[in-house]
Amino acid sequence: MTTEEVERLVRSLDREMFLDLSNLDRVEVQLAYSRDDNFTGVKLYGDFSQALVHRLAFDKMQKAVHLLKQQSLPYRFLIYDALRPWRLQKVMFSYVENTPQEPYVAHPQKGSLHNYGLALDLTLIDEHGNP
């Protein structure tokens, strides 16, 4: 999928239902599938860099950020993946189909919570950016 195709898809989303996590304090975004050092070896998202999620997931992430701040911990969240277009779910699955890694990628017929903007791949990073 080209960057333009991903951006066109994003523009078609209901912007009241899907929100960008990169606007939150203490959140960094480095989408793994916007780089070629992921398990597919290609930039599936092109240069797209927004971490979009469903409003329900956004609200939960806001709460997590608030809890992190409350405890005065020096950590930030690093987002690797968020809303994933269904079309790219099919592409990702094609890389693992009939391999030992197949159980780790949702079958496109069933889909993934990522396809609904309800899942995040993330970690915590310290003040130096180390996971």
Protein backbone atom coordinates (compact mmCIF):
# COMPACT_ATOMS: atom_id res chain seq x y z
CA MET A 1 0.00 0.00 0.00
CA THR A 2 1.46 3.38 -0.91
CA THR A 3 1.64 6.28 1.49
CA GLU A 4 -0.98 8.04 -0.62
CA GLU A 5 -3.36 5.07 -0.35
CA VAL A 6 -2.94 4.92 3.42
CA GLU A 7 -3.46 8.67 3.72
CA ARG A 8 -6.60 8.46 1.54
CA LEU A 9 -7.95 5.73 3.81
CA VAL A 10 -7.22 7.83 6.88
CA ARG A 11 -9.00 10.85 5.40
CA SER A 12 -12.08 8.66 4.89
CA LEU A 13 -12.24 7.71 8.58
CA ASP A 14 -14.73 9.25 10.96
CA ARG A 15 -12.38 11.67 12.74
CA GLU A 16 -14.63 11.74 15.80
CA MET A 17 -14.37 7.95 16.13
CA PHE A 18 -10.65 7.51 15.31
CA LEU A 19 -8.09 9.70 17.04
CA ASP A 20 -4.32 10.16 16.74
CA LEU A 21 -2.32 9.05 19.78
CA SER A 22 0.69 11.14 18.79
CA ASN A 23 -1.18 14.17 20.14
CA LEU A 24 -0.96 12.79 23.69
CA ASP A 25 1.74 13.86 26.12
CA ARG A 26 4.35 11.16 26.84
CA VAL A 27 3.56 9.24 23.66
CA GLU A 28 6.03 8.68 20.84
CA VAL A 29 5.13 6.98 17.58
CA GLN A 30 7.48 4.85 15.48
CA LEU A 31 5.23 2.63 13.40
CA ALA A 32 7.06 -0.63 12.72
CA TYR A 33 5.34 -1.09 9.37
CA SER A 34 6.46 2.36 8.18
CA ARG A 35 10.00 0.97 8.28
CA ASP A 36 11.54 -1.96 6.47
CA ASP A 37 13.07 -3.53 9.60
CA ASN A 38 9.87 -5.42 10.45
CA PHE A 39 9.20 -9.11 9.87
CA THR A 40 8.10 -8.54 6.26
CA GLY A 41 11.22 -6.58 5.30
CA VAL A 42 9.15 -3.93 3.49
CA LYS A 43 7.53 -0.59 4.42
CA LEU A 44 3.89 -1.70 4.38
CA TYR A 45 2.61 1.72 5.55
CA GLY A 46 4.88 3.76 3.30
CA ASP A 47 5.83 6.97 5.12
CA PHE A 48 2.57 7.10 7.09
CA SER A 49 3.29 7.89 10.74
CA GLN A 50 0.01 8.49 12.60
CA ALA A 51 -1.06 6.12 15.38
CA LEU A 52 -4.82 6.14 14.96
CA VAL A 53 -7.11 4.27 17.34
CA HIS A 54 -10.80 3.98 18.08
CA ARG A 55 -12.07 6.50 20.63
CA LEU A 56 -12.43 3.70 23.23
CA ALA A 57 -8.74 2.79 22.93
CA PHE A 58 -7.77 6.48 22.91
CA ASP A 59 -9.61 7.02 26.20
CA LYS A 60 -7.83 4.03 27.78
CA MET A 61 -4.47 5.30 26.56
CA GLN A 62 -5.21 8.74 28.01
CA LYS A 63 -5.86 7.05 31.34
CA ALA A 64 -2.56 5.12 31.12
CA VAL A 65 -0.67 8.35 30.41
CA HIS A 66 -2.40 10.01 33.36
CA LEU A 67 -1.40 7.13 35.67
CA LEU A 68 2.19 7.32 34.46
CA LYS A 69 2.30 11.05 35.20
CA GLN A 70 0.64 10.57 38.62
CA GLN A 71 3.42 8.23 39.69
CA SER A 72 6.11 10.65 38.53
CA LEU A 73 7.78 7.92 36.50
CA PRO A 74 10.25 9.13 33.85
CA TYR A 75 8.81 6.85 31.16
CA ARG A 76 6.97 7.47 27.91
CA PHE A 77 4.98 5.15 25.70
CA LEU A 78 6.39 4.13 22.34
CA ILE A 79 3.76 3.01 19.82
CA TYR A 80 4.79 0.46 17.18
CA ASP A 81 1.36 -0.21 15.64
CA ALA A 82 -2.23 0.93 16.01
CA LEU A 83 -5.10 0.96 13.48
CA ARG A 84 -4.13 -1.37 10.64
CA PRO A 85 -5.98 -1.31 7.32
CA TRP A 86 -7.63 -4.64 6.54
CA ARG A 87 -5.89 -4.75 3.19
CA LEU A 88 -2.54 -4.74 4.98
CA GLN A 89 -3.70 -7.51 7.30
CA LYS A 90 -3.99 -9.67 4.19
CA VAL A 91 -0.50 -8.70 3.07
CA MET A 92 0.99 -9.41 6.50
CA PHE A 93 -0.72 -12.79 6.67
CA SER A 94 0.66 -13.73 3.25
CA TYR A 95 4.19 -13.52 4.74
CA VAL A 96 3.46 -16.09 7.44
CA GLU A 97 0.86 -18.34 5.84
CA ASN A 98 1.87 -22.03 6.10
CA THR A 99 4.91 -21.20 8.25
CA PRO A 100 5.53 -21.72 11.98
CA GLN A 101 4.85 -17.97 12.45
CA GLU A 102 1.26 -18.21 11.11
CA PRO A 103 -0.33 -18.25 14.61
CA TYR A 104 1.19 -14.82 15.34
CA VAL A 105 -0.69 -12.93 12.61
CA ALA A 106 -4.49 -12.91 12.55
CA HIS A 107 -6.06 -14.56 9.52
CA PRO A 108 -7.59 -11.82 7.34
CA GLN A 109 -10.99 -13.56 7.25
CA LYS A 110 -11.22 -13.17 11.01
CA GLY A 111 -9.20 -9.98 11.25
CA SER A 112 -7.38 -8.45 14.16
CA LEU A 113 -8.37 -5.93 16.79
CA HIS A 114 -5.84 -3.71 15.01
CA ASN A 115 -8.25 -3.62 12.06
CA TYR A 116 -10.82 -1.92 14.29
CA GLY A 117 -8.38 0.47 15.98
CA LEU A 118 -8.75 -1.37 19.29
CA ALA A 119 -5.24 -2.80 19.66
CA LEU A 120 -1.82 -1.27 20.16
CA ASP A 121 1.67 -2.65 19.94
CA LEU A 122 3.63 -0.57 22.42
CA THR A 123 6.35 -0.49 25.02
CA LEU A 124 7.65 1.90 27.64
CA ILE A 125 10.82 3.89 26.99
CA ASP A 126 13.05 5.61 29.52
CA GLU A 127 14.28 9.20 29.45
CA HIS A 128 17.01 8.17 26.99
CA GLY A 129 14.59 6.55 24.56
CA ASN A 130 15.57 2.99 25.51
CA PRO A 131 12.74 0.43 25.53
